[in-house]
Amino acid sequence: MANIGDAKTGPDPRMPLTAGGPPPRTDITHRRNRLAGVWAAELLGLIGFAAQDYVRSVMHPGHPQEQPHEDDHDKVVGKLARDLSGRVSVQEIRQRMADFLQEAKRQARRDREP
């Protein structure tokens, strides 16, 4: 069984990327949202399947997983703000999202290296 931090929790990091160009924005967005979901699940004390389900709900806020979607930063921040109310501030959530975006970009670059 995969843990919430494992690659199997989110999108496949080896998903096809555009040759020679930057990774698709949706890939980076999904990675950022997965990192945010793992962080929030840990703060909420979720483990196992509950944590995995929660991470998926953060990765795809308000729409089915199969449906393609654009960057949903504000939806993710809003969900995390509601779920983490009283634990962290919206300002901290926004800062962590910025940090997770940078980490997602690093992961995507690393995955593209031969």
PDB file of N, CA and C in Angstrom:
ATOM      1  N   MET A   1       0.851  -1.184   0.000  1.00  0.00           N
ATOM      2  CA  MET A   1       0.000   0.000   0.000  1.00  0.00           C
ATOM      3  C   MET A   1       0.887   1.235   0.000  1.00  0.00           C
ATOM      4  N   ALA A   2       0.533   2.195  -0.822  1.00  0.00           N
ATOM      5  CA  ALA A   2       1.315   3.423  -0.919  1.00  0.00           C
ATOM      6  C   ALA A   2       1.008   4.340   0.260  1.00  0.00           C
ATOM      7  N   ASN A   3       2.015   5.032   0.727  1.00  0.00           N
ATOM      8  CA  ASN A   3       1.833   6.053   1.753  1.00  0.00           C
ATOM      9  C   ASN A   3       1.537   7.375   1.075  1.00  0.00           C
ATOM     10  N   ILE A   4       1.063   8.349   1.854  1.00  0.00           N
ATOM     11  CA  ILE A   4       0.641   9.599   1.235  1.00  0.00           C
ATOM     12  C   ILE A   4       1.788  10.340   0.563  1.00  0.00           C
ATOM     13  N   GLY A   5       3.002  10.125   0.946  1.00  0.00           N
ATOM     14  CA  GLY A   5       4.124  10.809   0.323  1.00  0.00           C
ATOM     15  C   GLY A   5       4.677  10.090  -0.886  1.00  0.00           C
ATOM     16  N   ASP A   6       4.196   8.870  -1.160  1.00  0.00           N
ATOM     17  CA  ASP A   6       4.709   8.094  -2.278  1.00  0.00           C
ATOM     18  C   ASP A   6       4.224   8.663  -3.600  1.00  0.00           C
ATOM     19  N   ALA A   7       4.968   8.379  -4.637  1.00  0.00           N
ATOM     20  CA  ALA A   7       4.612   8.856  -5.974  1.00  0.00           C
ATOM     21  C   ALA A   7       3.266   8.304  -6.425  1.00  0.00           C
ATOM     22  N   LYS A   8       2.854   7.155  -5.938  1.00  0.00           N
ATOM     23  CA  LYS A   8       1.591   6.548  -6.362  1.00  0.00           C
ATOM     24  C   LYS A   8       0.378   7.314  -5.850  1.00  0.00           C
ATOM     25  N   THR A   9       0.555   8.229  -4.894  1.00  0.00           N
ATOM     26  CA  THR A   9      -0.551   8.994  -4.360  1.00  0.00           C
ATOM     27  C   THR A   9      -1.064  10.010  -5.356  1.00  0.00           C
ATOM     28  N   GLY A  10      -0.172  10.592  -6.130  1.00  0.00           N
ATOM     29  CA  GLY A  10      -0.553  11.646  -7.055  1.00  0.00           C
ATOM     30  C   GLY A  10      -0.347  11.212  -8.486  1.00  0.00           C
ATOM     31  N   PRO A  11      -0.221  12.188  -9.352  1.00  0.00           N
ATOM     32  CA  PRO A  11      -0.022  11.854 -10.757  1.00  0.00           C
ATOM     33  C   PRO A  11       1.307  11.168 -10.959  1.00  0.00           C
ATOM     34  N   ASP A  12       1.376  10.350 -11.988  1.00  0.00           N
ATOM     35  CA  ASP A  12       2.610   9.639 -12.299  1.00  0.00           C
ATOM     36  C   ASP A  12       3.676  10.653 -12.681  1.00  0.00           C
ATOM     37  N   PRO A  13       4.772  10.732 -11.909  1.00  0.00           N
ATOM     38  CA  PRO A  13       5.798  11.723 -12.228  1.00  0.00           C
ATOM     39  C   PRO A  13       6.471  11.452 -13.560  1.00  0.00           C
ATOM     40  N   ARG A  14       6.254  10.267 -14.134  1.00  0.00           N
ATOM     41  CA  ARG A  14       6.849   9.946 -15.425  1.00  0.00           C
ATOM     42  C   ARG A  14       5.846  10.134 -16.559  1.00  0.00           C
ATOM     43  N   MET A  15       4.774  10.902 -16.294  1.00  0.00           N
ATOM     44  CA  MET A  15       3.788  11.138 -17.340  1.00  0.00           C
ATOM     45  C   MET A  15       4.468  11.807 -18.523  1.00  0.00           C
ATOM     46  N   PRO A  16       3.990  11.546 -19.750  1.00  0.00           N
ATOM     47  CA  PRO A  16       4.642  12.101 -20.926  1.00  0.00           C
ATOM     48  C   PRO A  16       4.732  13.618 -20.848  1.00  0.00           C
ATOM     49  N   LEU A  17       5.905  14.122 -21.121  1.00  0.00           N
ATOM     50  CA  LEU A  17       6.127  15.559 -21.127  1.00  0.00           C
ATOM     51  C   LEU A  17       6.503  15.985 -22.533  1.00  0.00           C
ATOM     52  N   THR A  18       6.293  17.230 -22.822  1.00  0.00           N
ATOM     53  CA  THR A  18       6.638  17.755 -24.126  1.00  0.00           C
ATOM     54  C   THR A  18       8.153  17.693 -24.287  1.00  0.00           C
ATOM     55  N   ALA A  19       8.608  17.059 -25.345  1.00  0.00           N
ATOM     56  CA  ALA A  19      10.043  16.893 -25.570  1.00  0.00           C
ATOM     57  C   ALA A  19      10.703  18.250 -25.742  1.00  0.00           C
ATOM     58  N   GLY A  20      11.764  18.480 -25.000  1.00  0.00           N
ATOM     59  CA  GLY A  20      12.567  19.674 -25.146  1.00  0.00           C
ATOM     60  C   GLY A  20      11.983  20.922 -24.522  1.00  0.00           C
ATOM     61  N   GLY A  21      10.758  20.890 -24.081  1.00  0.00           N
ATOM     62  CA  GLY A  21      10.150  22.083 -23.503  1.00  0.00           C
ATOM     63  C   GLY A  21       9.933  21.905 -22.015  1.00  0.00           C
ATOM     64  N   PRO A  22       9.384  22.915 -21.401  1.00  0.00           N
ATOM     65  CA  PRO A  22       9.093  22.807 -19.969  1.00  0.00           C
ATOM     66  C   PRO A  22       7.962  21.818 -19.735  1.00  0.00           C
ATOM     67  N   PRO A  23       7.856  21.284 -18.526  1.00  0.00           N
ATOM     68  CA  PRO A  23       6.758  20.366 -18.235  1.00  0.00           C
ATOM     69  C   PRO A  23       5.427  21.102 -18.375  1.00  0.00           C
ATOM     70  N   PRO A  24       4.380  20.375 -18.751  1.00  0.00           N
ATOM     71  CA  PRO A  24       3.066  21.029 -18.854  1.00  0.00           C
ATOM     72  C   PRO A  24       2.664  21.656 -17.531  1.00  0.00           C
ATOM     73  N   ARG A  25       1.999  22.785 -17.608  1.00  0.00           N
ATOM     74  CA  ARG A  25       1.580  23.517 -16.405  1.00  0.00           C
ATOM     75  C   ARG A  25       0.696  22.643 -15.516  1.00  0.00           C
ATOM     76  N   THR A  26      -0.152  21.802 -16.128  1.00  0.00           N
ATOM     77  CA  THR A  26      -1.030  20.963 -15.308  1.00  0.00           C
ATOM     78  C   THR A  26      -0.225  19.974 -14.480  1.00  0.00           C
ATOM     79  N   ASP A  27       0.894  19.485 -15.011  1.00  0.00           N
ATOM     80  CA  ASP A  27       1.742  18.572 -14.253  1.00  0.00           C
ATOM     81  C   ASP A  27       2.288  19.273 -13.016  1.00  0.00           C
ATOM     82  N   ILE A  28       2.785  20.471 -13.187  1.00  0.00           N
ATOM     83  CA  ILE A  28       3.347  21.222 -12.062  1.00  0.00           C
ATOM     84  C   ILE A  28       2.241  21.577 -11.069  1.00  0.00           C
ATOM     85  N   THR A  29       1.067  21.960 -11.579  1.00  0.00           N
ATOM     86  CA  THR A  29      -0.063  22.280 -10.699  1.00  0.00           C
ATOM     87  C   THR A  29      -0.455  21.064  -9.868  1.00  0.00           C
ATOM     88  N   HIS A  30      -0.542  19.889 -10.495  1.00  0.00           N
ATOM     89  CA  HIS A  30      -0.901  18.673  -9.757  1.00  0.00           C
ATOM     90  C   HIS A  30       0.154  18.340  -8.711  1.00  0.00           C
ATOM     91  N   ARG A  31       1.412  18.503  -9.063  1.00  0.00           N
ATOM     92  CA  ARG A  31       2.481  18.235  -8.095  1.00  0.00           C
ATOM     93  C   ARG A  31       2.377  19.188  -6.908  1.00  0.00           C
ATOM     94  N   ARG A  32       2.163  20.479  -7.201  1.00  0.00           N
ATOM     95  CA  ARG A  32       2.019  21.475  -6.127  1.00  0.00           C
ATOM     96  C   ARG A  32       0.846  21.121  -5.227  1.00  0.00           C
ATOM     97  N   ASN A  33      -0.299  20.792  -5.843  1.00  0.00           N
ATOM     98  CA  ASN A  33      -1.486  20.461  -5.060  1.00  0.00           C
ATOM     99  C   ASN A  33      -1.283  19.189  -4.237  1.00  0.00           C
ATOM    100  N   ARG A  34      -0.560  18.209  -4.801  1.00  0.00           N
ATOM    101  CA  ARG A  34      -0.289  16.974  -4.048  1.00  0.00           C
ATOM    102  C   ARG A  34       0.558  17.293  -2.821  1.00  0.00           C
ATOM    103  N   LEU A  35       1.605  18.106  -2.996  1.00  0.00           N
ATOM    104  CA  LEU A  35       2.454  18.479  -1.858  1.00  0.00           C
ATOM    105  C   LEU A  35       1.637  19.214  -0.793  1.00  0.00           C
ATOM    106  N   ALA A  36       0.754  20.112  -1.229  1.00  0.00           N
ATOM    107  CA  ALA A  36      -0.100  20.836  -0.288  1.00  0.00           C
ATOM    108  C   ALA A  36      -1.044  19.881   0.434  1.00  0.00           C
ATOM    109  N   GLY A  37      -1.583  18.920  -0.294  1.00  0.00           N
ATOM    110  CA  GLY A  37      -2.485  17.944   0.315  1.00  0.00           C
ATOM    111  C   GLY A  37      -1.799  17.071   1.345  1.00  0.00           C
ATOM    112  N   VAL A  38      -0.575  16.652   1.050  1.00  0.00           N
ATOM    113  CA  VAL A  38       0.191  15.837   2.005  1.00  0.00           C
ATOM    114  C   VAL A  38       0.464  16.651   3.269  1.00  0.00           C
ATOM    115  N   TRP A  39       0.877  17.896   3.088  1.00  0.00           N
ATOM    116  CA  TRP A  39       1.148  18.782   4.229  1.00  0.00           C
ATOM    117  C   TRP A  39      -0.105  18.944   5.098  1.00  0.00           C
ATOM    118  N   ALA A  40      -1.242  19.245   4.461  1.00  0.00           N
ATOM    119  CA  ALA A  40      -2.485  19.450   5.209  1.00  0.00           C
ATOM    120  C   ALA A  40      -2.959  18.161   5.882  1.00  0.00           C
ATOM    121  N   ALA A  41      -2.838  17.039   5.190  1.00  0.00           N
ATOM    122  CA  ALA A  41      -3.259  15.755   5.773  1.00  0.00           C
ATOM    123  C   ALA A  41      -2.461  15.462   7.041  1.00  0.00           C
ATOM    124  N   GLU A  42      -1.178  15.773   7.008  1.00  0.00           N
ATOM    125  CA  GLU A  42      -0.355  15.565   8.204  1.00  0.00           C
ATOM    126  C   GLU A  42      -0.808  16.478   9.341  1.00  0.00           C
ATOM    127  N   LEU A  43      -1.100  17.754   9.016  1.00  0.00           N
ATOM    128  CA  LEU A  43      -1.585  18.676  10.051  1.00  0.00           C
ATOM    129  C   LEU A  43      -2.921  18.224  10.641  1.00  0.00           C
ATOM    130  N   LEU A  44      -3.750  17.595   9.815  1.00  0.00           N
ATOM    131  CA  LEU A  44      -5.064  17.125  10.266  1.00  0.00           C
ATOM    132  C   LEU A  44      -4.990  15.770  10.964  1.00  0.00           C
ATOM    133  N   GLY A  45      -3.809  15.145  10.936  1.00  0.00           N
ATOM    134  CA  GLY A  45      -3.643  13.848  11.588  1.00  0.00           C
ATOM    135  C   GLY A  45      -4.233  12.695  10.809  1.00  0.00           C
ATOM    136  N   LEU A  46      -4.410  12.863   9.519  1.00  0.00           N
ATOM    137  CA  LEU A  46      -4.985  11.797   8.695  1.00  0.00           C
ATOM    138  C   LEU A  46      -3.912  10.782   8.325  1.00  0.00           C
ATOM    139  N   ILE A  47      -4.305   9.517   8.260  1.00  0.00           N
ATOM    140  CA  ILE A  47      -3.376   8.459   7.867  1.00  0.00           C
ATOM    141  C   ILE A  47      -4.086   7.500   6.909  1.00  0.00           C
ATOM    142  N   GLY A  48      -3.306   6.711   6.217  1.00  0.00           N
ATOM    143  CA  GLY A  48      -3.836   5.653   5.359  1.00  0.00           C
ATOM    144  C   GLY A  48      -4.741   6.167   4.258  1.00  0.00           C
ATOM    145  N   PHE A  49      -5.852   5.423   4.049  1.00  0.00           N
ATOM    146  CA  PHE A  49      -6.773   5.770   2.968  1.00  0.00           C
ATOM    147  C   PHE A  49      -7.411   7.135   3.178  1.00  0.00           C
ATOM    148  N   ALA A  50      -7.654   7.507   4.414  1.00  0.00           N
ATOM    149  CA  ALA A  50      -8.242   8.831   4.680  1.00  0.00           C
ATOM    150  C   ALA A  50      -7.300   9.927   4.192  1.00  0.00           C
ATOM    151  N   ALA A  51      -6.018   9.752   4.433  1.00  0.00           N
ATOM    152  CA  ALA A  51      -5.032  10.733   3.973  1.00  0.00           C
ATOM    153  C   ALA A  51      -4.968  10.741   2.446  1.00  0.00           C
ATOM    154  N   GLN A  52      -4.961   9.574   1.828  1.00  0.00           N
ATOM    155  CA  GLN A  52      -4.909   9.500   0.368  1.00  0.00           C
ATOM    156  C   GLN A  52      -6.135  10.171  -0.261  1.00  0.00           C
ATOM    157  N   ASP A  53      -7.302   9.908   0.286  1.00  0.00           N
ATOM    158  CA  ASP A  53      -8.520  10.537  -0.225  1.00  0.00           C
ATOM    159  C   ASP A  53      -8.462  12.048  -0.060  1.00  0.00           C
ATOM    160  N   TYR A  54      -7.937  12.483   1.071  1.00  0.00           N
ATOM    161  CA  TYR A  54      -7.838  13.925   1.307  1.00  0.00           C
ATOM    162  C   TYR A  54      -6.879  14.571   0.306  1.00  0.00           C
ATOM    163  N   VAL A  55      -5.732  13.934   0.067  1.00  0.00           N
ATOM    164  CA  VAL A  55      -4.762  14.476  -0.896  1.00  0.00           C
ATOM    165  C   VAL A  55      -5.422  14.599  -2.264  1.00  0.00           C
ATOM    166  N   ARG A  56      -6.178  13.598  -2.680  1.00  0.00           N
ATOM    167  CA  ARG A  56      -6.872  13.662  -3.968  1.00  0.00           C
ATOM    168  C   ARG A  56      -7.875  14.812  -3.998  1.00  0.00           C
ATOM    169  N   SER A  57      -8.555  15.046  -2.878  1.00  0.00           N
ATOM    170  CA  SER A  57      -9.534  16.136  -2.844  1.00  0.00           C
ATOM    171  C   SER A  57      -8.857  17.500  -2.955  1.00  0.00           C
ATOM    172  N   VAL A  58      -7.627  17.601  -2.493  1.00  0.00           N
ATOM    173  CA  VAL A  58      -6.874  18.857  -2.632  1.00  0.00           C
ATOM    174  C   VAL A  58      -6.332  18.983  -4.058  1.00  0.00           C
ATOM    175  N   MET A  59      -5.913  17.870  -4.628  1.00  0.00           N
ATOM    176  CA  MET A  59      -5.385  17.901  -5.995  1.00  0.00           C
ATOM    177  C   MET A  59      -6.454  18.285  -7.004  1.00  0.00           C
ATOM    178  N   HIS A  60      -7.706  17.919  -6.747  1.00  0.00           N
ATOM    179  CA  HIS A  60      -8.800  18.141  -7.689  1.00  0.00           C
ATOM    180  C   HIS A  60      -9.979  18.800  -6.971  1.00  0.00           C
ATOM    181  N   PRO A  61      -9.829  20.024  -6.499  1.00  0.00           N
ATOM    182  CA  PRO A  61     -10.917  20.645  -5.729  1.00  0.00           C
ATOM    183  C   PRO A  61     -12.102  21.021  -6.606  1.00  0.00           C
ATOM    184  N   GLY A  62     -13.225  20.414  -6.336  1.00  0.00           N
ATOM    185  CA  GLY A  62     -14.452  20.788  -7.016  1.00  0.00           C
ATOM    186  C   GLY A  62     -14.678  20.204  -8.388  1.00  0.00           C
ATOM    187  N   HIS A  63     -13.861  19.239  -8.810  1.00  0.00           N
ATOM    188  CA  HIS A  63     -14.094  18.609 -10.095  1.00  0.00           C
ATOM    189  C   HIS A  63     -13.532  17.196 -10.090  1.00  0.00           C
ATOM    190  N   PRO A  64     -14.054  16.328 -10.969  1.00  0.00           N
ATOM    191  CA  PRO A  64     -13.580  14.938 -11.008  1.00  0.00           C
ATOM    192  C   PRO A  64     -12.115  14.855 -11.417  1.00  0.00           C
ATOM    193  N   GLN A  65     -11.440  13.812 -10.960  1.00  0.00           N
ATOM    194  CA  GLN A  65     -10.031  13.621 -11.274  1.00  0.00           C
ATOM    195  C   GLN A  65      -9.796  13.527 -12.775  1.00  0.00           C
ATOM    196  N   GLU A  66     -10.705  12.904 -13.497  1.00  0.00           N
ATOM    197  CA  GLU A  66     -10.503  12.652 -14.913  1.00  0.00           C
ATOM    198  C   GLU A  66     -10.643  13.916 -15.750  1.00  0.00           C
ATOM    199  N   GLN A  67     -11.298  14.928 -15.212  1.00  0.00           N
ATOM    200  CA  GLN A  67     -11.569  16.142 -15.971  1.00  0.00           C
ATOM    201  C   GLN A  67     -10.335  17.041 -16.010  1.00  0.00           C
ATOM    202  N   PRO A  68      -9.861  17.405 -17.219  1.00  0.00           N
ATOM    203  CA  PRO A  68      -8.732  18.324 -17.279  1.00  0.00           C
ATOM    204  C   PRO A  68      -9.144  19.687 -16.731  1.00  0.00           C
ATOM    205  N   HIS A  69      -8.229  20.364 -16.089  1.00  0.00           N
ATOM    206  CA  HIS A  69      -8.536  21.665 -15.518  1.00  0.00           C
ATOM    207  C   HIS A  69      -7.286  22.527 -15.459  1.00  0.00           C
ATOM    208  N   GLU A  70      -7.507  23.802 -15.411  1.00  0.00           N
ATOM    209  CA  GLU A  70      -6.413  24.768 -15.338  1.00  0.00           C
ATOM    210  C   GLU A  70      -5.984  24.938 -13.882  1.00  0.00           C
ATOM    211  N   ASP A  71      -5.041  25.831 -13.688  1.00  0.00           N
ATOM    212  CA  ASP A  71      -4.550  26.100 -12.341  1.00  0.00           C
ATOM    213  C   ASP A  71      -5.717  26.535 -11.452  1.00  0.00           C
ATOM    214  N   ASP A  72      -5.827  25.917 -10.307  1.00  0.00           N
ATOM    215  CA  ASP A  72      -6.935  26.175  -9.396  1.00  0.00           C
ATOM    216  C   ASP A  72      -6.412  26.643  -8.038  1.00  0.00           C
ATOM    217  N   HIS A  73      -5.413  27.497  -8.070  1.00  0.00           N
ATOM    218  CA  HIS A  73      -4.743  27.980  -6.859  1.00  0.00           C
ATOM    219  C   HIS A  73      -5.736  28.497  -5.823  1.00  0.00           C
ATOM    220  N   ASP A  74      -6.654  29.381  -6.257  1.00  0.00           N
ATOM    221  CA  ASP A  74      -7.591  29.980  -5.302  1.00  0.00           C
ATOM    222  C   ASP A  74      -8.531  28.942  -4.693  1.00  0.00           C
ATOM    223  N   LYS A  75      -8.952  27.949  -5.484  1.00  0.00           N
ATOM    224  CA  LYS A  75      -9.813  26.887  -4.942  1.00  0.00           C
ATOM    225  C   LYS A  75      -9.060  26.067  -3.896  1.00  0.00           C
ATOM    226  N   VAL A  76      -7.789  25.771  -4.176  1.00  0.00           N
ATOM    227  CA  VAL A  76      -6.991  24.978  -3.228  1.00  0.00           C
ATOM    228  C   VAL A  76      -6.759  25.774  -1.951  1.00  0.00           C
ATOM    229  N   VAL A  77      -6.397  27.048  -2.085  1.00  0.00           N
ATOM    230  CA  VAL A  77      -6.181  27.882  -0.897  1.00  0.00           C
ATOM    231  C   VAL A  77      -7.467  27.961  -0.074  1.00  0.00           C
ATOM    232  N   GLY A  78      -8.597  28.150  -0.739  1.00  0.00           N
ATOM    233  CA  GLY A  78      -9.874  28.220  -0.027  1.00  0.00           C
ATOM    234  C   GLY A  78     -10.198  26.929   0.707  1.00  0.00           C
ATOM    235  N   LYS A  79      -9.985  25.799   0.047  1.00  0.00           N
ATOM    236  CA  LYS A  79     -10.238  24.500   0.691  1.00  0.00           C
ATOM    237  C   LYS A  79      -9.346  24.317   1.906  1.00  0.00           C
ATOM    238  N   LEU A  80      -8.048  24.604   1.730  1.00  0.00           N
ATOM    239  CA  LEU A  80      -7.118  24.443   2.844  1.00  0.00           C
ATOM    240  C   LEU A  80      -7.447  25.407   3.977  1.00  0.00           C
ATOM    241  N   ALA A  81      -7.837  26.627   3.653  1.00  0.00           N
ATOM    242  CA  ALA A  81      -8.194  27.610   4.689  1.00  0.00           C
ATOM    243  C   ALA A  81      -9.389  27.116   5.509  1.00  0.00           C
ATOM    244  N   ARG A  82     -10.389  26.539   4.826  1.00  0.00           N
ATOM    245  CA  ARG A  82     -11.549  25.999   5.555  1.00  0.00           C
ATOM    246  C   ARG A  82     -11.144  24.793   6.404  1.00  0.00           C
ATOM    247  N   ASP A  83     -10.382  23.889   5.803  1.00  0.00           N
ATOM    248  CA  ASP A  83     -10.032  22.645   6.490  1.00  0.00           C
ATOM    249  C   ASP A  83      -9.053  22.866   7.641  1.00  0.00           C
ATOM    250  N   LEU A  84      -8.184  23.857   7.492  1.00  0.00           N
ATOM    251  CA  LEU A  84      -7.142  24.093   8.497  1.00  0.00           C
ATOM    252  C   LEU A  84      -7.449  25.298   9.385  1.00  0.00           C
ATOM    253  N   SER A  85      -8.680  25.740   9.355  1.00  0.00           N
ATOM    254  CA  SER A  85      -9.084  26.898  10.158  1.00  0.00           C
ATOM    255  C   SER A  85      -8.711  26.680  11.625  1.00  0.00           C
ATOM    256  N   GLY A  86      -8.062  27.662  12.202  1.00  0.00           N
ATOM    257  CA  GLY A  86      -7.642  27.562  13.597  1.00  0.00           C
ATOM    258  C   GLY A  86      -6.290  26.897  13.774  1.00  0.00           C
ATOM    259  N   ARG A  87      -5.751  26.305  12.714  1.00  0.00           N
ATOM    260  CA  ARG A  87      -4.437  25.645  12.800  1.00  0.00           C
ATOM    261  C   ARG A  87      -3.349  26.487  12.149  1.00  0.00           C
ATOM    262  N   VAL A  88      -3.668  27.045  10.983  1.00  0.00           N
ATOM    263  CA  VAL A  88      -2.712  27.903  10.275  1.00  0.00           C
ATOM    264  C   VAL A  88      -3.483  29.052   9.627  1.00  0.00           C
ATOM    265  N   SER A  89      -2.784  30.140   9.357  1.00  0.00           N
ATOM    266  CA  SER A  89      -3.411  31.314   8.744  1.00  0.00           C
ATOM    267  C   SER A  89      -3.444  31.166   7.231  1.00  0.00           C
ATOM    268  N   VAL A  90      -4.289  31.951   6.599  1.00  0.00           N
ATOM    269  CA  VAL A  90      -4.354  31.973   5.141  1.00  0.00           C
ATOM    270  C   VAL A  90      -3.014  32.443   4.581  1.00  0.00           C
ATOM    271  N   GLN A  91      -2.387  33.383   5.270  1.00  0.00           N
ATOM    272  CA  GLN A  91      -1.074  33.869   4.831  1.00  0.00           C
ATOM    273  C   GLN A  91      -0.054  32.727   4.825  1.00  0.00           C
ATOM    274  N   GLU A  92      -0.059  31.890   5.854  1.00  0.00           N
ATOM    275  CA  GLU A  92       0.864  30.755   5.890  1.00  0.00           C
ATOM    276  C   GLU A  92       0.542  29.754   4.783  1.00  0.00           C
ATOM    277  N   ILE A  93      -0.741  29.534   4.528  1.00  0.00           N
ATOM    278  CA  ILE A  93      -1.139  28.621   3.448  1.00  0.00           C
ATOM    279  C   ILE A  93      -0.613  29.144   2.120  1.00  0.00           C
ATOM    280  N   ARG A  94      -0.790  30.441   1.864  1.00  0.00           N
ATOM    281  CA  ARG A  94      -0.303  31.022   0.609  1.00  0.00           C
ATOM    282  C   ARG A  94       1.220  30.896   0.496  1.00  0.00           C
ATOM    283  N   GLN A  95       1.925  31.108   1.593  1.00  0.00           N
ATOM    284  CA  GLN A  95       3.381  30.974   1.561  1.00  0.00           C
ATOM    285  C   GLN A  95       3.791  29.528   1.278  1.00  0.00           C
ATOM    286  N   ARG A  96       3.118  28.592   1.941  1.00  0.00           N
ATOM    287  CA  ARG A  96       3.427  27.176   1.703  1.00  0.00           C
ATOM    288  C   ARG A  96       3.107  26.783   0.265  1.00  0.00           C
ATOM    289  N   MET A  97       2.020  27.305  -0.295  1.00  0.00           N
ATOM    290  CA  MET A  97       1.682  27.017  -1.693  1.00  0.00           C
ATOM    291  C   MET A  97       2.779  27.523  -2.627  1.00  0.00           C
ATOM    292  N   ALA A  98       3.330  28.691  -2.335  1.00  0.00           N
ATOM    293  CA  ALA A  98       4.436  29.222  -3.147  1.00  0.00           C
ATOM    294  C   ALA A  98       5.657  28.311  -3.025  1.00  0.00           C
ATOM    295  N   ASP A  99       5.936  27.846  -1.814  1.00  0.00           N
ATOM    296  CA  ASP A  99       7.053  26.918  -1.604  1.00  0.00           C
ATOM    297  C   ASP A  99       6.815  25.603  -2.346  1.00  0.00           C
ATOM    298  N   PHE A 100       5.578  25.101  -2.281  1.00  0.00           N
ATOM    299  CA  PHE A 100       5.245  23.842  -2.952  1.00  0.00           C
ATOM    300  C   PHE A 100       5.342  23.990  -4.469  1.00  0.00           C
ATOM    301  N   LEU A 101       5.010  25.169  -4.988  1.00  0.00           N
ATOM    302  CA  LEU A 101       5.138  25.401  -6.429  1.00  0.00           C
ATOM    303  C   LEU A 101       6.605  25.306  -6.856  1.00  0.00           C
ATOM    304  N   GLN A 102       7.490  25.902  -6.079  1.00  0.00           N
ATOM    305  CA  GLN A 102       8.916  25.832  -6.402  1.00  0.00           C
ATOM    306  C   GLN A 102       9.422  24.388  -6.329  1.00  0.00           C
ATOM    307  N   GLU A 103       8.980  23.657  -5.319  1.00  0.00           N
ATOM    308  CA  GLU A 103       9.372  22.250  -5.189  1.00  0.00           C
ATOM    309  C   GLU A 103       8.823  21.425  -6.351  1.00  0.00           C
ATOM    310  N   ALA A 104       7.594  21.694  -6.764  1.00  0.00           N
ATOM    311  CA  ALA A 104       6.993  20.971  -7.896  1.00  0.00           C
ATOM    312  C   ALA A 104       7.790  21.218  -9.171  1.00  0.00           C
ATOM    313  N   LYS A 105       8.233  22.436  -9.366  1.00  0.00           N
ATOM    314  CA  LYS A 105       9.054  22.752 -10.545  1.00  0.00           C
ATOM    315  C   LYS A 105      10.384  22.010 -10.490  1.00  0.00           C
ATOM    316  N   ARG A 106      10.995  21.958  -9.304  1.00  0.00           N
ATOM    317  CA  ARG A 106      12.259  21.218  -9.151  1.00  0.00           C
ATOM    318  C   ARG A 106      12.048  19.734  -9.433  1.00  0.00           C
ATOM    319  N   GLN A 107      10.964  19.157  -8.909  1.00  0.00           N
ATOM    320  CA  GLN A 107      10.673  17.738  -9.139  1.00  0.00           C
ATOM    321  C   GLN A 107      10.483  17.467 -10.625  1.00  0.00           C
ATOM    322  N   ALA A 108       9.748  18.337 -11.299  1.00  0.00           N
ATOM    323  CA  ALA A 108       9.487  18.141 -12.725  1.00  0.00           C
ATOM    324  C   ALA A 108      10.787  18.206 -13.529  1.00  0.00           C
ATOM    325  N   ARG A 109      11.663  19.148 -13.197  1.00  0.00           N
ATOM    326  CA  ARG A 109      12.954  19.237 -13.888  1.00  0.00           C
ATOM    327  C   ARG A 109      13.791  17.995 -13.627  1.00  0.00           C
ATOM    328  N   ARG A 110      13.801  17.555 -12.383  1.00  0.00           N
ATOM    329  CA  ARG A 110      14.572  16.379 -12.005  1.00  0.00           C
ATOM    330  C   ARG A 110      14.080  15.128 -12.736  1.00  0.00           C
ATOM    331  N   ASP A 111      12.780  15.002 -12.869  1.00  0.00           N
ATOM    332  CA  ASP A 111      12.195  13.839 -13.547  1.00  0.00           C
ATOM    333  C   ASP A 111      12.498  13.836 -15.038  1.00  0.00           C
ATOM    334  N   ARG A 112      12.782  14.986 -15.593  1.00  0.00           N
ATOM    335  CA  ARG A 112      13.080  15.074 -17.027  1.00  0.00           C
ATOM    336  C   ARG A 112      14.532  14.799 -17.346  1.00  0.00           C
ATOM    337  N   GLU A 113      15.389  14.832 -16.329  1.00  0.00           N
ATOM    338  CA  GLU A 113      16.802  14.595 -16.570  1.00  0.00           C
ATOM    339  C   GLU A 113      17.020  13.143 -16.969  1.00  0.00           C
ATOM    340  N   PRO A 114      17.931  12.919 -17.956  1.00  0.00           N
ATOM    341  CA  PRO A 114      18.184  11.536 -18.406  1.00  0.00           C
ATOM    342  C   PRO A 114      18.901  10.704 -17.376  1.00  0.00           C
TER     343      PRO A 114
END
